[in-house]
Amino acid sequence: MLPKVSIIIPFYNDPYVDQAIVSALYQTYPNLEIIVVDDGSTRHQNMIAPYRSRIHYLGKRNGGTGSALNYGITMATGKYVAWLSSDDRFTPDKVERQVAYMEQTQARICHTDYHVINEHGTITEYTAAAKYASAKAFINGIRHGCPVNGCTIMMTKELFIGLGGFNEGLPYTHDYDMWIRVLLSRVDFHYLNEPLTLYRRHSQMGTVRNFNTVMHEANGVNAKYAHLLDQLLATLPG
């Protein structure tokens, strides 16, 4: 039997949420559960209503994306979990392709390439993910910033729980912090070189509206782990 995959969609006042849900519902992979976590929204819940019978809808007080993901993944019953932001979309074969890769390689975490789309869903940049020639080059990349698009990630729930989930005290860089902790745990961070996510860049996204705050927070995460990543890099050949 194919392993179950739980897709977690954190939602907060996002007018694109119906597109995210549809892209999750119409995956070619059959063994799915879709969990939408309403993080205290006051708008656009009506866009979810047509799909309520086909998803798990969880409500909570507003606590940020990290807290919504933690709640949704804790409730998930899949072997694998995937994060889909409510303004992004998965390609129809995203889950099928990534599960096949992970089952074949026994990967515990994997990220992929992605296309960038605009407000209207038009692709504005193809295969936008940073590419690295080696594991050491990737770790060096994450030492200086976050090259991983969180919505391309699939990981085992067991790994996520074992790492203690996202740091809810980091509103914007909980993902960067998590990927560093994965590497410091000496878990192989796999990359599947296929564009399987459509990442939407638009003027209302939090990382655009709060750019200076995001950069300040990212610099803090970077400083916290810099010496540990340097020690890890020193152990690797090349």
Foldseek 3Di string as FASTA:
>chain_A
DQFEEEEEEEDAQDQQQLQAVVLVVQAPDDRYAYEYEDQQHPDDVVSCVVCPVRHHYHYDHHQADQVSVVVRLVPDDTQKYAYDYSNKHWHRHLVVVVSVVCVVVVAQKEFEFAFEAEPVRHTPGPRPQDDDPDPLRVLVVLLPPDRGDRRRMMGGSVVCVVLPGFDSVQRQCSVSLVVLSCVLVVGDYHYDYDHGMYHYDYCPDPCNVPVVVNVVSRVVSSVVCNVSSVVVSVVDDD
